[in-house]
C-alpha atoms as a PDB file:
ATOM      1  CA  MET A   1       4.065 -32.014 -24.989  1.00  0.00           C
ATOM      2  CA  LYS A   2       6.607 -34.062 -22.133  1.00  0.00           C
ATOM      3  CA  GLN A   3       8.075 -30.965 -20.750  1.00  0.00           C
ATOM      4  CA  LEU A   4       4.308 -29.421 -20.107  1.00  0.00           C
ATOM      5  CA  ILE A   5       3.499 -32.750 -18.455  1.00  0.00           C
ATOM      6  CA  LEU A   6       6.408 -32.962 -16.392  1.00  0.00           C
ATOM      7  CA  LEU A   7       6.205 -29.079 -15.600  1.00  0.00           C
ATOM      8  CA  SER A   8       2.863 -29.551 -14.616  1.00  0.00           C
ATOM      9  CA  CYS A   9       3.492 -32.447 -12.350  1.00  0.00           C
ATOM     10  CA  CYS A  10       6.017 -30.875 -10.639  1.00  0.00           C
ATOM     11  CA  LEU A  11       4.510 -27.590  -9.875  1.00  0.00           C
ATOM     12  CA  PHE A  12       1.164 -29.807  -8.310  1.00  0.00           C
ATOM     13  CA  PHE A  13       4.121 -31.307  -5.853  1.00  0.00           C
ATOM     14  CA  ALA A  14       6.139 -27.821  -5.625  1.00  0.00           C
ATOM     15  CA  LEU A  15       2.845 -26.456  -4.337  1.00  0.00           C
ATOM     16  CA  ASN A  16       2.175 -29.119  -1.768  1.00  0.00           C
ATOM     17  CA  SER A  17       4.870 -29.056   1.356  1.00  0.00           C
ATOM     18  CA  SER A  18       4.015 -32.451   2.154  1.00  0.00           C
ATOM     19  CA  ALA A  19       4.358 -33.497  -1.623  1.00  0.00           C
ATOM     20  CA  GLN A  20       8.513 -32.849  -1.089  1.00  0.00           C
ATOM     21  CA  GLN A  21       8.498 -35.920   0.549  1.00  0.00           C
ATOM     22  CA  HIS A  22       7.260 -37.896  -2.149  1.00  0.00           C
ATOM     23  CA  LEU A  23       9.364 -36.272  -4.932  1.00  0.00           C
ATOM     24  CA  ASN A  24      12.677 -37.525  -2.614  1.00  0.00           C
ATOM     25  CA  LYS A  25      11.021 -40.988  -2.309  1.00  0.00           C
ATOM     26  CA  THR A  26      13.450 -43.426  -4.058  1.00  0.00           C
ATOM     27  CA  ILE A  27      11.652 -46.287  -5.798  1.00  0.00           C
ATOM     28  CA  SER A  28      12.358 -48.917  -8.595  1.00  0.00           C
ATOM     29  CA  ILE A  29       9.850 -49.409 -11.377  1.00  0.00           C
ATOM     30  CA  ASN A  30       9.444 -51.260 -14.950  1.00  0.00           C
ATOM     31  CA  ILE A  31       6.424 -50.122 -16.904  1.00  0.00           C
ATOM     32  CA  LYS A  32       6.300 -51.468 -20.490  1.00  0.00           C
ATOM     33  CA  GLU A  33       3.508 -50.193 -22.955  1.00  0.00           C
ATOM     34  CA  LYS A  34       0.802 -48.996 -20.045  1.00  0.00           C
ATOM     35  CA  ARG A  35      -1.364 -45.926 -20.674  1.00  0.00           C
ATOM     36  CA  LEU A  36      -0.651 -43.057 -18.774  1.00  0.00           C
ATOM     37  CA  LYS A  37      -3.195 -43.124 -16.205  1.00  0.00           C
ATOM     38  CA  ASP A  38      -1.997 -46.815 -15.311  1.00  0.00           C
ATOM     39  CA  ALA A  39       1.870 -46.076 -15.439  1.00  0.00           C
ATOM     40  CA  LEU A  40       0.472 -42.814 -13.191  1.00  0.00           C
ATOM     41  CA  ILE A  41      -1.366 -45.429 -10.524  1.00  0.00           C
ATOM     42  CA  ILE A  42       1.797 -47.686 -10.270  1.00  0.00           C
ATOM     43  CA  ILE A  43       4.355 -44.527  -9.751  1.00  0.00           C
ATOM     44  CA  GLY A  44       1.977 -43.750  -6.847  1.00  0.00           C
ATOM     45  CA  ASP A  45       1.793 -46.798  -5.374  1.00  0.00           C
ATOM     46  CA  LYS A  46       5.456 -47.375  -5.114  1.00  0.00           C
ATOM     47  CA  GLY A  47       5.604 -43.921  -3.706  1.00  0.00           C
ATOM     48  CA  ASP A  48       2.725 -44.322  -1.537  1.00  0.00           C
ATOM     49  CA  PHE A  49       0.704 -41.278  -2.800  1.00  0.00           C
ATOM     50  CA  LYS A  50      -2.017 -40.481  -5.225  1.00  0.00           C
ATOM     51  CA  PHE A  51      -2.091 -38.161  -8.391  1.00  0.00           C
ATOM     52  CA  SER A  52      -4.697 -35.584  -8.650  1.00  0.00           C
ATOM     53  CA  TYR A  53      -4.521 -34.335 -12.378  1.00  0.00           C
ATOM     54  CA  ASN A  54      -6.918 -32.959 -15.074  1.00  0.00           C
ATOM     55  CA  SER A  55      -7.466 -35.170 -17.942  1.00  0.00           C
ATOM     56  CA  LYS A  56      -8.260 -32.972 -20.059  1.00  0.00           C
ATOM     57  CA  ILE A  57      -4.146 -31.614 -19.907  1.00  0.00           C
ATOM     58  CA  LEU A  58      -2.683 -35.110 -19.370  1.00  0.00           C
ATOM     59  CA  PRO A  59      -3.513 -37.432 -22.396  1.00  0.00           C
ATOM     60  CA  LYS A  60      -4.681 -40.283 -20.030  1.00  0.00           C
ATOM     61  CA  ASP A  61      -4.919 -42.827 -22.953  1.00  0.00           C
ATOM     62  CA  SER A  62      -0.964 -42.534 -24.425  1.00  0.00           C
ATOM     63  CA  VAL A  63       1.067 -45.997 -23.915  1.00  0.00           C
ATOM     64  CA  VAL A  64       4.122 -45.172 -21.488  1.00  0.00           C
ATOM     65  CA  SER A  65       7.602 -46.977 -20.812  1.00  0.00           C
ATOM     66  CA  ILE A  66       9.651 -46.409 -17.786  1.00  0.00           C
ATOM     67  CA  TYR A  67      12.421 -47.711 -16.645  1.00  0.00           C
ATOM     68  CA  ALA A  68      14.003 -46.767 -13.461  1.00  0.00           C
ATOM     69  CA  GLN A  69      15.701 -48.400 -10.703  1.00  0.00           C
ATOM     70  CA  ASN A  70      16.435 -47.123  -7.077  1.00  0.00           C
ATOM     71  CA  LYS A  71      15.412 -43.233  -8.540  1.00  0.00           C
ATOM     72  CA  LYS A  72      13.651 -40.419  -6.530  1.00  0.00           C
ATOM     73  CA  VAL A  73       9.829 -39.903  -7.956  1.00  0.00           C
ATOM     74  CA  LEU A  74      11.107 -36.642  -9.422  1.00  0.00           C
ATOM     75  CA  SER A  75      13.506 -38.137 -11.869  1.00  0.00           C
ATOM     76  CA  VAL A  76      10.853 -40.900 -13.067  1.00  0.00           C
ATOM     77  CA  LEU A  77       8.219 -38.181 -13.417  1.00  0.00           C
END
């Protein structure tokens, strides 16, 4: 399921030429037990972009923890 989510996010960004800049931006993030919906908002804020996704595909209420220090957005996803 994680691979499907990652693939969906990557494909969305790959289809948008300006998205490459966002995927290659380096961010640092420390998210502990937050809903996926909130985590994506935080990642978007750090990367200076907004996510658009189908909430029927991505389980937005899933709880995630993410720690990344000086990593590209693509790696964080």
